[in-house]
Amino acid sequence: MGRLIVDLIVSADGCAQDADGGMDHVPPTVDAGGCDVDTVARWTDVDAIILGANTYRLFAGHWPKVTPEQDLLAGIINPRPKHVVSSRLEEAPWGSLAPARVESGDGVASVRRIKEHSSGEVVVWGSLSLVSSLFEAGEVDGLRLRIVPTLAGGRRSFTPHGLGVRDLELVHSRSYSAGQQILEYRISDHT
């Protein structure tokens, strides 16, 4: 059984999305100091990437066009199996690379099935509506946050209202020269 990891870039005040659904809180120096090098190393055990439809559209317009020489993250994102949870999409092309698999129907049930058929990590990147549903269902095993040195001023967080207290166990942390931090937690009290 795989472990479900939510992996997000958030502002120092915990915001994961701007008012338009984008990421204007992420500074252009997001990788200064080698943060992406460490991300690549942490992704060696990732079996699959799960995206919601909006994050898929954002990613599919960028990552398939990028080589690992241009951006290290392309080397971990592009070759891995991708699943898009969506009730509206019928297909999810990924440029000239293998397409993502569309998971229609109940998103939580789809993620459970993907976890059951994985032996490593299954990562949900972005996809805040899906992430909220997964937290509510108690399916999240770990949380990996890249905190960038900005304040977003009350934009959208990644946890649902009324979630209640969930204990986290810090399993990794690192600070980088441009002010960003990586914090990785294990969720210790599934509901």
N, C-alpha and C. Protein backbone atom coordinates (compact mmCIF):
# COMPACT_ATOMS: atom_id res chain seq x y z
N MET A 1 0.85 -1.18 0.00
CA MET A 1 0.00 0.00 0.00
C MET A 1 0.89 1.24 0.00
N GLY A 2 0.61 2.15 -0.90
CA GLY A 2 1.37 3.38 -0.99
C GLY A 2 1.00 4.36 0.11
N ARG A 3 1.84 5.36 0.26
CA ARG A 3 1.59 6.45 1.22
C ARG A 3 1.20 7.68 0.43
N LEU A 4 0.10 8.34 0.84
CA LEU A 4 -0.38 9.54 0.15
C LEU A 4 0.26 10.76 0.79
N ILE A 5 1.01 11.51 -0.02
CA ILE A 5 1.70 12.71 0.43
C ILE A 5 1.10 13.91 -0.30
N VAL A 6 0.68 14.92 0.45
CA VAL A 6 0.25 16.19 -0.13
C VAL A 6 1.49 17.08 -0.18
N ASP A 7 1.83 17.57 -1.37
CA ASP A 7 3.04 18.36 -1.59
C ASP A 7 2.62 19.72 -2.16
N LEU A 8 2.90 20.78 -1.40
CA LEU A 8 2.41 22.11 -1.77
C LEU A 8 3.47 23.18 -1.57
N ILE A 9 3.37 24.23 -2.36
CA ILE A 9 4.13 25.46 -2.15
C ILE A 9 3.17 26.45 -1.51
N VAL A 10 3.53 26.95 -0.32
CA VAL A 10 2.65 27.88 0.40
C VAL A 10 3.43 29.11 0.85
N SER A 11 2.70 30.19 1.04
CA SER A 11 3.29 31.41 1.59
C SER A 11 3.54 31.22 3.09
N ALA A 12 4.26 32.15 3.70
CA ALA A 12 4.56 32.05 5.13
C ALA A 12 3.29 32.10 5.98
N ASP A 13 2.20 32.66 5.44
CA ASP A 13 0.94 32.67 6.18
C ASP A 13 0.01 31.54 5.75
N GLY A 14 0.55 30.52 5.10
CA GLY A 14 -0.18 29.29 4.85
C GLY A 14 -1.07 29.28 3.63
N CYS A 15 -0.94 30.26 2.75
CA CYS A 15 -1.81 30.31 1.58
C CYS A 15 -1.19 29.52 0.43
N ALA A 16 -2.03 28.74 -0.25
CA ALA A 16 -1.57 27.89 -1.33
C ALA A 16 -2.08 28.34 -2.70
N GLN A 17 -2.91 29.36 -2.73
CA GLN A 17 -3.50 29.78 -3.99
C GLN A 17 -3.92 31.24 -3.90
N ASP A 18 -3.73 31.98 -5.00
CA ASP A 18 -4.19 33.36 -4.99
C ASP A 18 -5.67 33.43 -5.37
N ALA A 19 -6.22 34.62 -5.38
CA ALA A 19 -7.65 34.79 -5.61
C ALA A 19 -8.09 34.31 -6.99
N ASP A 20 -7.17 34.31 -7.96
CA ASP A 20 -7.50 33.87 -9.32
C ASP A 20 -7.19 32.39 -9.55
N GLY A 21 -6.82 31.66 -8.49
CA GLY A 21 -6.50 30.25 -8.63
C GLY A 21 -5.06 29.99 -9.02
N GLY A 22 -4.26 31.03 -9.12
CA GLY A 22 -2.86 30.88 -9.49
C GLY A 22 -1.94 30.87 -8.29
N MET A 23 -0.68 31.16 -8.55
CA MET A 23 0.33 31.11 -7.50
C MET A 23 1.20 32.36 -7.51
N ASP A 24 0.56 33.55 -7.50
CA ASP A 24 1.35 34.77 -7.54
C ASP A 24 2.13 35.03 -6.26
N HIS A 25 1.90 34.22 -5.23
CA HIS A 25 2.67 34.37 -3.98
C HIS A 25 4.04 33.69 -4.07
N VAL A 26 4.30 32.95 -5.15
CA VAL A 26 5.58 32.25 -5.30
C VAL A 26 6.56 33.18 -6.00
N PRO A 27 7.66 33.53 -5.32
CA PRO A 27 8.64 34.44 -5.93
C PRO A 27 9.42 33.75 -7.04
N PRO A 28 9.99 34.54 -7.98
CA PRO A 28 10.76 33.93 -9.07
C PRO A 28 12.02 33.22 -8.58
N THR A 29 12.46 33.51 -7.38
CA THR A 29 13.66 32.87 -6.83
C THR A 29 13.31 31.64 -6.01
N VAL A 30 12.22 30.96 -6.35
CA VAL A 30 11.74 29.85 -5.54
C VAL A 30 12.78 28.73 -5.39
N ASP A 31 13.69 28.57 -6.36
CA ASP A 31 14.70 27.52 -6.22
C ASP A 31 16.06 28.03 -5.80
N ALA A 32 16.21 29.29 -5.53
CA ALA A 32 17.52 29.78 -5.11
C ALA A 32 17.99 29.01 -3.89
N GLY A 33 19.23 28.54 -3.96
CA GLY A 33 19.79 27.82 -2.82
C GLY A 33 19.67 26.32 -2.91
N GLY A 34 19.15 25.78 -4.01
CA GLY A 34 19.14 24.33 -4.20
C GLY A 34 17.92 23.58 -3.73
N CYS A 35 16.83 24.26 -3.51
CA CYS A 35 15.62 23.59 -3.04
C CYS A 35 15.15 22.52 -4.03
N ASP A 36 15.23 22.77 -5.33
CA ASP A 36 14.78 21.79 -6.30
C ASP A 36 15.68 20.55 -6.33
N VAL A 37 16.97 20.71 -6.07
CA VAL A 37 17.87 19.56 -6.01
C VAL A 37 17.40 18.60 -4.91
N ASP A 38 17.04 19.15 -3.76
CA ASP A 38 16.53 18.33 -2.67
C ASP A 38 15.17 17.71 -3.00
N THR A 39 14.34 18.44 -3.71
CA THR A 39 13.03 17.92 -4.11
C THR A 39 13.21 16.70 -5.00
N VAL A 40 14.11 16.79 -5.96
CA VAL A 40 14.39 15.65 -6.84
C VAL A 40 14.83 14.44 -6.02
N ALA A 41 15.69 14.65 -5.05
CA ALA A 41 16.17 13.54 -4.21
C ALA A 41 15.03 12.92 -3.40
N ARG A 42 14.10 13.76 -2.89
CA ARG A 42 12.99 13.24 -2.09
C ARG A 42 11.97 12.49 -2.93
N TRP A 43 11.95 12.73 -4.22
CA TRP A 43 10.95 12.12 -5.09
C TRP A 43 11.38 10.77 -5.65
N THR A 44 12.46 10.19 -5.18
CA THR A 44 12.91 8.91 -5.72
C THR A 44 11.92 7.78 -5.45
N ASP A 45 11.12 7.89 -4.39
CA ASP A 45 10.15 6.85 -4.04
C ASP A 45 8.74 7.15 -4.53
N VAL A 46 8.58 8.16 -5.38
CA VAL A 46 7.24 8.53 -5.85
C VAL A 46 6.83 7.62 -7.00
N ASP A 47 5.73 6.90 -6.81
CA ASP A 47 5.19 6.01 -7.84
C ASP A 47 4.26 6.73 -8.80
N ALA A 48 3.51 7.72 -8.30
CA ALA A 48 2.50 8.37 -9.13
C ALA A 48 2.22 9.78 -8.61
N ILE A 49 1.76 10.62 -9.52
CA ILE A 49 1.36 11.99 -9.21
C ILE A 49 -0.14 12.09 -9.45
N ILE A 50 -0.84 12.69 -8.51
CA ILE A 50 -2.28 12.92 -8.66
C ILE A 50 -2.53 14.42 -8.73
N LEU A 51 -3.34 14.81 -9.70
CA LEU A 51 -3.67 16.22 -9.91
C LEU A 51 -5.18 16.37 -10.03
N GLY A 52 -5.69 17.49 -9.56
CA GLY A 52 -7.05 17.87 -9.88
C GLY A 52 -7.07 18.49 -11.27
N ALA A 53 -8.24 18.72 -11.81
CA ALA A 53 -8.36 19.22 -13.19
C ALA A 53 -7.71 20.58 -13.38
N ASN A 54 -7.89 21.51 -12.44
CA ASN A 54 -7.30 22.84 -12.59
C ASN A 54 -5.78 22.79 -12.54
N THR A 55 -5.24 22.03 -11.60
CA THR A 55 -3.78 21.91 -11.51
C THR A 55 -3.24 21.19 -12.74
N TYR A 56 -3.97 20.18 -13.21
CA TYR A 56 -3.56 19.49 -14.44
C TYR A 56 -3.43 20.50 -15.59
N ARG A 57 -4.44 21.34 -15.78
CA ARG A 57 -4.40 22.30 -16.89
C ARG A 57 -3.19 23.23 -16.75
N LEU A 58 -2.92 23.68 -15.55
CA LEU A 58 -1.78 24.56 -15.29
C LEU A 58 -0.47 23.82 -15.60
N PHE A 59 -0.34 22.59 -15.10
CA PHE A 59 0.89 21.82 -15.28
C PHE A 59 1.07 21.36 -16.73
N ALA A 60 -0.01 20.89 -17.37
CA ALA A 60 0.10 20.36 -18.73
C ALA A 60 0.47 21.44 -19.75
N GLY A 61 0.19 22.69 -19.41
CA GLY A 61 0.58 23.79 -20.28
C GLY A 61 2.04 24.18 -20.13
N HIS A 62 2.71 23.62 -19.11
CA HIS A 62 4.10 24.00 -18.84
C HIS A 62 5.07 22.82 -18.88
N TRP A 63 4.88 21.83 -18.01
CA TRP A 63 5.90 20.80 -17.78
C TRP A 63 6.25 19.94 -18.99
N PRO A 64 5.31 19.55 -19.84
CA PRO A 64 5.72 18.71 -20.98
C PRO A 64 6.67 19.42 -21.95
N LYS A 65 6.72 20.73 -21.89
CA LYS A 65 7.59 21.51 -22.78
C LYS A 65 8.97 21.75 -22.18
N VAL A 66 9.16 21.33 -20.93
CA VAL A 66 10.40 21.65 -20.21
C VAL A 66 11.26 20.39 -20.09
N THR A 67 12.55 20.55 -20.33
CA THR A 67 13.49 19.43 -20.18
C THR A 67 14.16 19.52 -18.80
N PRO A 68 14.73 18.40 -18.34
CA PRO A 68 15.46 18.44 -17.07
C PRO A 68 16.64 19.40 -17.09
N GLU A 69 17.19 19.66 -18.27
CA GLU A 69 18.29 20.63 -18.38
C GLU A 69 17.79 22.05 -18.12
N GLN A 70 16.54 22.31 -18.45
CA GLN A 70 15.94 23.63 -18.22
C GLN A 70 15.43 23.79 -16.80
N ASP A 71 14.90 22.70 -16.23
CA ASP A 71 14.36 22.71 -14.87
C ASP A 71 14.43 21.29 -14.33
N LEU A 72 15.16 21.12 -13.24
CA LEU A 72 15.35 19.79 -12.65
C LEU A 72 14.04 19.05 -12.40
N LEU A 73 13.00 19.78 -12.01
CA LEU A 73 11.74 19.14 -11.66
C LEU A 73 11.09 18.43 -12.85
N ALA A 74 11.39 18.88 -14.06
CA ALA A 74 10.83 18.20 -15.24
C ALA A 74 11.27 16.75 -15.28
N GLY A 75 12.45 16.45 -14.78
CA GLY A 75 12.96 15.09 -14.77
C GLY A 75 12.24 14.17 -13.81
N ILE A 76 11.52 14.73 -12.83
CA ILE A 76 10.74 13.88 -11.92
C ILE A 76 9.25 13.91 -12.25
N ILE A 77 8.79 15.00 -12.81
CA ILE A 77 7.36 15.13 -13.12
C ILE A 77 6.99 14.41 -14.41
N ASN A 78 7.73 14.68 -15.47
CA ASN A 78 7.34 14.18 -16.80
C ASN A 78 7.32 12.66 -16.93
N PRO A 79 8.30 11.91 -16.41
CA PRO A 79 8.26 10.45 -16.63
C PRO A 79 7.33 9.67 -15.70
N ARG A 80 6.89 10.27 -14.61
CA ARG A 80 6.08 9.52 -13.65
C ARG A 80 4.64 9.40 -14.11
N PRO A 81 3.99 8.29 -13.76
CA PRO A 81 2.55 8.16 -14.07
C PRO A 81 1.76 9.26 -13.37
N LYS A 82 0.83 9.83 -14.12
CA LYS A 82 0.01 10.91 -13.60
C LYS A 82 -1.46 10.53 -13.71
N HIS A 83 -2.23 10.92 -12.69
CA HIS A 83 -3.67 10.68 -12.65
C HIS A 83 -4.34 12.03 -12.44
N VAL A 84 -5.38 12.29 -13.21
CA VAL A 84 -6.14 13.53 -13.06
C VAL A 84 -7.53 13.18 -12.57
N VAL A 85 -7.88 13.66 -11.38
CA VAL A 85 -9.21 13.42 -10.82
C VAL A 85 -10.14 14.49 -11.37
N SER A 86 -11.09 14.06 -12.18
CA SER A 86 -12.00 15.01 -12.83
C SER A 86 -13.25 14.30 -13.30
N SER A 87 -14.38 14.95 -13.10
CA SER A 87 -15.64 14.40 -13.63
C SER A 87 -15.96 15.00 -15.00
N ARG A 88 -15.16 15.95 -15.46
CA ARG A 88 -15.44 16.61 -16.73
C ARG A 88 -14.48 16.25 -17.85
N LEU A 89 -13.21 16.02 -17.51
CA LEU A 89 -12.23 15.70 -18.54
C LEU A 89 -12.45 14.28 -19.06
N GLU A 90 -12.25 14.12 -20.36
CA GLU A 90 -12.31 12.78 -20.96
C GLU A 90 -10.92 12.26 -21.26
N GLU A 91 -9.99 13.15 -21.45
CA GLU A 91 -8.59 12.77 -21.69
C GLU A 91 -7.69 13.83 -21.09
N ALA A 92 -6.43 13.44 -20.87
CA ALA A 92 -5.49 14.35 -20.22
C ALA A 92 -4.12 14.22 -20.89
N PRO A 93 -3.97 14.79 -22.10
CA PRO A 93 -2.68 14.69 -22.78
C PRO A 93 -1.57 15.41 -22.01
N TRP A 94 -0.36 14.93 -22.21
CA TRP A 94 0.83 15.51 -21.55
C TRP A 94 1.88 15.76 -22.64
N GLY A 95 1.55 16.69 -23.54
CA GLY A 95 2.44 16.99 -24.66
C GLY A 95 2.67 15.73 -25.49
N SER A 96 3.93 15.49 -25.88
CA SER A 96 4.28 14.31 -26.66
C SER A 96 4.57 13.10 -25.77
N LEU A 97 4.45 13.26 -24.47
CA LEU A 97 4.72 12.19 -23.50
C LEU A 97 3.45 11.40 -23.22
N ALA A 98 3.59 10.35 -22.45
CA ALA A 98 2.42 9.52 -22.09
C ALA A 98 1.37 10.39 -21.40
N PRO A 99 0.11 10.24 -21.80
CA PRO A 99 -0.93 11.07 -21.18
C PRO A 99 -1.18 10.67 -19.72
N ALA A 100 -1.78 11.57 -18.99
CA ALA A 100 -2.24 11.26 -17.64
C ALA A 100 -3.52 10.45 -17.76
N ARG A 101 -3.76 9.64 -16.76
CA ARG A 101 -4.99 8.84 -16.74
C ARG A 101 -6.08 9.64 -16.04
N VAL A 102 -7.24 9.75 -16.66
CA VAL A 102 -8.37 10.47 -16.05
C VAL A 102 -9.09 9.53 -15.10
N GLU A 103 -9.26 9.99 -13.88
CA GLU A 103 -9.98 9.24 -12.83
C GLU A 103 -11.31 9.96 -12.61
N SER A 104 -12.38 9.43 -13.18
CA SER A 104 -13.68 10.07 -13.02
C SER A 104 -14.41 9.42 -11.85
N GLY A 105 -15.49 10.04 -11.44
CA GLY A 105 -16.24 9.52 -10.30
C GLY A 105 -15.73 10.09 -9.00
N ASP A 106 -15.89 9.33 -7.93
CA ASP A 106 -15.51 9.79 -6.59
C ASP A 106 -14.00 9.93 -6.48
N GLY A 107 -13.52 11.15 -6.23
CA GLY A 107 -12.09 11.42 -6.16
C GLY A 107 -11.40 10.68 -5.04
N VAL A 108 -12.01 10.63 -3.87
CA VAL A 108 -11.41 9.94 -2.72
C VAL A 108 -11.28 8.45 -3.02
N ALA A 109 -12.31 7.86 -3.59
CA ALA A 109 -12.26 6.44 -3.94
C ALA A 109 -11.17 6.17 -4.98
N SER A 110 -11.03 7.06 -5.94
CA SER A 110 -9.98 6.90 -6.96
C SER A 110 -8.60 6.94 -6.32
N VAL A 111 -8.40 7.87 -5.40
CA VAL A 111 -7.09 7.99 -4.73
C VAL A 111 -6.83 6.75 -3.87
N ARG A 112 -7.83 6.25 -3.19
CA ARG A 112 -7.66 5.01 -2.41
C ARG A 112 -7.20 3.86 -3.30
N ARG A 113 -7.81 3.75 -4.46
CA ARG A 113 -7.46 2.67 -5.39
C ARG A 113 -6.01 2.82 -5.87
N ILE A 114 -5.61 4.05 -6.17
CA ILE A 114 -4.23 4.30 -6.62
C ILE A 114 -3.25 3.95 -5.50
N LYS A 115 -3.57 4.34 -4.27
CA LYS A 115 -2.71 3.99 -3.13
C LYS A 115 -2.58 2.47 -2.98
N GLU A 116 -3.69 1.76 -3.13
CA GLU A 116 -3.68 0.31 -2.97
C GLU A 116 -2.80 -0.39 -3.99
N HIS A 117 -2.64 0.21 -5.17
CA HIS A 117 -1.83 -0.40 -6.22
C HIS A 117 -0.43 0.19 -6.30
N SER A 118 -0.02 0.91 -5.27
CA SER A 118 1.31 1.51 -5.23
C SER A 118 2.10 0.95 -4.07
N SER A 119 3.40 0.95 -4.21
CA SER A 119 4.25 0.50 -3.10
C SER A 119 5.05 1.65 -2.51
N GLY A 120 5.17 2.75 -3.23
CA GLY A 120 5.91 3.91 -2.74
C GLY A 120 4.98 5.05 -2.41
N GLU A 121 5.46 6.25 -2.65
CA GLU A 121 4.65 7.44 -2.38
C GLU A 121 3.75 7.77 -3.57
N VAL A 122 2.56 8.22 -3.24
CA VAL A 122 1.63 8.79 -4.21
C VAL A 122 1.48 10.24 -3.80
N VAL A 123 1.84 11.16 -4.70
CA VAL A 123 1.88 12.57 -4.35
C VAL A 123 0.73 13.33 -5.01
N VAL A 124 0.02 14.09 -4.19
CA VAL A 124 -0.97 15.04 -4.71
C VAL A 124 -0.29 16.40 -4.70
N TRP A 125 -0.18 16.99 -5.87
CA TRP A 125 0.46 18.30 -5.99
C TRP A 125 -0.61 19.33 -6.30
N GLY A 126 -0.61 20.43 -5.53
CA GLY A 126 -1.64 21.44 -5.74
C GLY A 126 -3.02 20.85 -5.48
N SER A 127 -3.96 21.12 -6.36
CA SER A 127 -5.27 20.44 -6.35
C SER A 127 -6.01 20.61 -5.03
N LEU A 128 -6.25 21.83 -4.63
CA LEU A 128 -6.73 22.15 -3.28
C LEU A 128 -8.10 21.58 -2.96
N SER A 129 -9.02 21.53 -3.90
CA SER A 129 -10.33 20.93 -3.61
C SER A 129 -10.19 19.44 -3.31
N LEU A 130 -9.39 18.76 -4.11
CA LEU A 130 -9.13 17.35 -3.89
C LEU A 130 -8.42 17.14 -2.55
N VAL A 131 -7.42 17.96 -2.27
CA VAL A 131 -6.68 17.86 -1.01
C VAL A 131 -7.62 18.01 0.18
N SER A 132 -8.53 18.97 0.11
CA SER A 132 -9.50 19.15 1.20
C SER A 132 -10.32 17.89 1.41
N SER A 133 -10.81 17.30 0.32
CA SER A 133 -11.60 16.06 0.43
C SER A 133 -10.78 14.92 1.02
N LEU A 134 -9.52 14.84 0.64
CA LEU A 134 -8.66 13.77 1.15
C LEU A 134 -8.35 13.95 2.64
N PHE A 135 -8.17 15.20 3.08
CA PHE A 135 -7.98 15.45 4.51
C PHE A 135 -9.25 15.06 5.28
N GLU A 136 -10.41 15.48 4.77
CA GLU A 136 -11.67 15.16 5.44
C GLU A 136 -11.89 13.65 5.55
N ALA A 137 -11.44 12.90 4.54
CA ALA A 137 -11.63 11.45 4.53
C ALA A 137 -10.55 10.71 5.32
N GLY A 138 -9.55 11.44 5.83
CA GLY A 138 -8.48 10.80 6.59
C GLY A 138 -7.52 10.00 5.74
N GLU A 139 -7.38 10.35 4.47
CA GLU A 139 -6.53 9.59 3.55
C GLU A 139 -5.10 10.10 3.45
N VAL A 140 -4.81 11.27 4.02
CA VAL A 140 -3.48 11.86 3.86
C VAL A 140 -2.53 11.28 4.90
N ASP A 141 -1.42 10.71 4.42
CA ASP A 141 -0.42 10.11 5.31
C ASP A 141 0.71 11.07 5.64
N GLY A 142 0.97 12.01 4.75
CA GLY A 142 2.07 12.95 4.98
C GLY A 142 1.83 14.26 4.28
N LEU A 143 2.52 15.28 4.75
CA LEU A 143 2.38 16.64 4.24
C LEU A 143 3.78 17.19 4.01
N ARG A 144 4.05 17.65 2.79
CA ARG A 144 5.34 18.22 2.45
C ARG A 144 5.08 19.65 1.98
N LEU A 145 5.57 20.61 2.74
CA LEU A 145 5.35 22.02 2.42
C LEU A 145 6.66 22.70 2.04
N ARG A 146 6.62 23.43 0.94
CA ARG A 146 7.71 24.34 0.60
C ARG A 146 7.18 25.73 0.94
N ILE A 147 7.71 26.30 1.99
CA ILE A 147 7.23 27.61 2.44
C ILE A 147 8.13 28.67 1.83
N VAL A 148 7.49 29.58 1.10
CA VAL A 148 8.23 30.66 0.45
C VAL A 148 8.10 31.94 1.27
N PRO A 149 9.12 32.81 1.22
CA PRO A 149 9.14 34.00 2.08
C PRO A 149 8.28 35.14 1.55
N THR A 150 6.97 34.89 1.50
CA THR A 150 6.01 35.93 1.12
C THR A 150 4.80 35.81 2.03
N LEU A 151 4.02 36.87 2.09
CA LEU A 151 2.72 36.84 2.75
C LEU A 151 1.67 37.03 1.65
N ALA A 152 0.66 36.22 1.65
CA ALA A 152 -0.35 36.27 0.60
C ALA A 152 -1.63 36.97 1.06
N GLY A 153 -1.76 37.25 2.34
CA GLY A 153 -2.88 38.04 2.82
C GLY A 153 -4.24 37.41 2.70
N GLY A 154 -4.42 36.24 3.29
CA GLY A 154 -5.76 35.67 3.37
C GLY A 154 -6.26 34.99 2.13
N ARG A 155 -5.37 34.56 1.29
CA ARG A 155 -5.80 33.78 0.11
C ARG A 155 -6.23 32.39 0.57
N ARG A 156 -6.34 31.45 -0.32
CA ARG A 156 -6.88 30.13 0.01
C ARG A 156 -5.84 29.23 0.67
N SER A 157 -6.24 28.64 1.78
CA SER A 157 -5.42 27.64 2.45
C SER A 157 -5.66 26.28 1.80
N PHE A 158 -4.99 25.24 2.29
CA PHE A 158 -5.14 23.91 1.70
C PHE A 158 -5.94 22.96 2.58
N THR A 159 -6.34 23.40 3.77
CA THR A 159 -7.14 22.53 4.63
C THR A 159 -8.59 23.00 4.62
N PRO A 160 -9.52 22.08 4.75
CA PRO A 160 -10.93 22.46 4.76
C PRO A 160 -11.33 23.08 6.09
N HIS A 161 -12.31 23.96 6.05
CA HIS A 161 -12.86 24.52 7.29
C HIS A 161 -13.48 23.39 8.10
N GLY A 162 -13.31 23.44 9.39
CA GLY A 162 -13.91 22.44 10.25
C GLY A 162 -13.15 21.12 10.31
N LEU A 163 -11.91 21.11 9.81
CA LEU A 163 -11.13 19.87 9.82
C LEU A 163 -10.86 19.37 11.23
N GLY A 164 -10.70 20.30 12.15
CA GLY A 164 -10.34 19.90 13.51
C GLY A 164 -8.84 19.75 13.63
N VAL A 165 -8.39 19.43 14.81
CA VAL A 165 -6.97 19.31 15.08
C VAL A 165 -6.45 17.97 14.57
N ARG A 166 -5.36 17.99 13.86
CA ARG A 166 -4.66 16.79 13.41
C ARG A 166 -3.21 16.93 13.87
N ASP A 167 -2.73 15.95 14.57
CA ASP A 167 -1.35 15.99 15.04
C ASP A 167 -0.41 15.66 13.88
N LEU A 168 0.71 16.39 13.84
CA LEU A 168 1.73 16.18 12.82
C LEU A 168 3.04 15.83 13.51
N GLU A 169 3.79 14.94 12.90
CA GLU A 169 5.11 14.59 13.40
C GLU A 169 6.14 15.07 12.36
N LEU A 170 7.01 15.99 12.75
CA LEU A 170 8.02 16.51 11.83
C LEU A 170 9.04 15.42 11.53
N VAL A 171 9.22 15.10 10.24
CA VAL A 171 10.19 14.07 9.86
C VAL A 171 11.36 14.64 9.07
N HIS A 172 11.24 15.86 8.59
CA HIS A 172 12.33 16.49 7.84
C HIS A 172 12.10 18.00 7.79
N SER A 173 13.17 18.75 7.91
CA SER A 173 13.09 20.20 7.71
C SER A 173 14.42 20.70 7.18
N ARG A 174 14.35 21.73 6.37
CA ARG A 174 15.57 22.34 5.86
C ARG A 174 15.25 23.77 5.44
N SER A 175 16.18 24.67 5.73
CA SER A 175 16.08 26.07 5.31
C SER A 175 17.05 26.32 4.17
N TYR A 176 16.69 27.24 3.28
CA TYR A 176 17.50 27.55 2.11
C TYR A 176 17.86 29.03 2.11
N SER A 177 18.92 29.37 1.38
CA SER A 177 19.49 30.71 1.43
C SER A 177 18.54 31.81 0.95
N ALA A 178 17.59 31.50 0.10
CA ALA A 178 16.66 32.52 -0.39
C ALA A 178 15.45 32.70 0.54
N GLY A 179 15.47 32.02 1.70
CA GLY A 179 14.42 32.20 2.68
C GLY A 179 13.33 31.16 2.67
N GLN A 180 13.33 30.24 1.71
CA GLN A 180 12.31 29.21 1.72
C GLN A 180 12.72 28.08 2.66
N GLN A 181 11.72 27.30 3.05
CA GLN A 181 11.92 26.15 3.92
C GLN A 181 11.12 24.98 3.40
N ILE A 182 11.65 23.79 3.62
CA ILE A 182 10.90 22.56 3.36
C ILE A 182 10.57 21.96 4.72
N LEU A 183 9.32 21.67 4.93
CA LEU A 183 8.87 21.00 6.15
C LEU A 183 8.10 19.76 5.71
N GLU A 184 8.49 18.62 6.25
CA GLU A 184 7.79 17.38 5.91
C GLU A 184 7.27 16.75 7.20
N TYR A 185 5.98 16.43 7.18
CA TYR A 185 5.30 15.90 8.35
C TYR A 185 4.65 14.56 8.05
N ARG A 186 4.57 13.73 9.06
CA ARG A 186 3.76 12.53 9.03
C ARG A 186 2.46 12.86 9.75
N ILE A 187 1.33 12.47 9.19
CA ILE A 187 0.05 12.68 9.84
C ILE A 187 -0.09 11.55 10.85
N SER A 188 -0.18 11.88 12.12
CA SER A 188 -0.14 10.83 13.15
C SER A 188 -1.50 10.45 13.71
N ASP A 189 -2.55 11.12 13.33
CA ASP A 189 -3.87 10.71 13.85
C ASP A 189 -4.92 10.74 12.75
N HIS A 190 -4.89 9.70 11.88
CA HIS A 190 -5.93 9.57 10.87
C HIS A 190 -7.28 9.40 11.57
N THR A 191 -8.32 9.92 10.95
CA THR A 191 -9.66 9.75 11.51
C THR A 191 -10.32 8.53 10.92
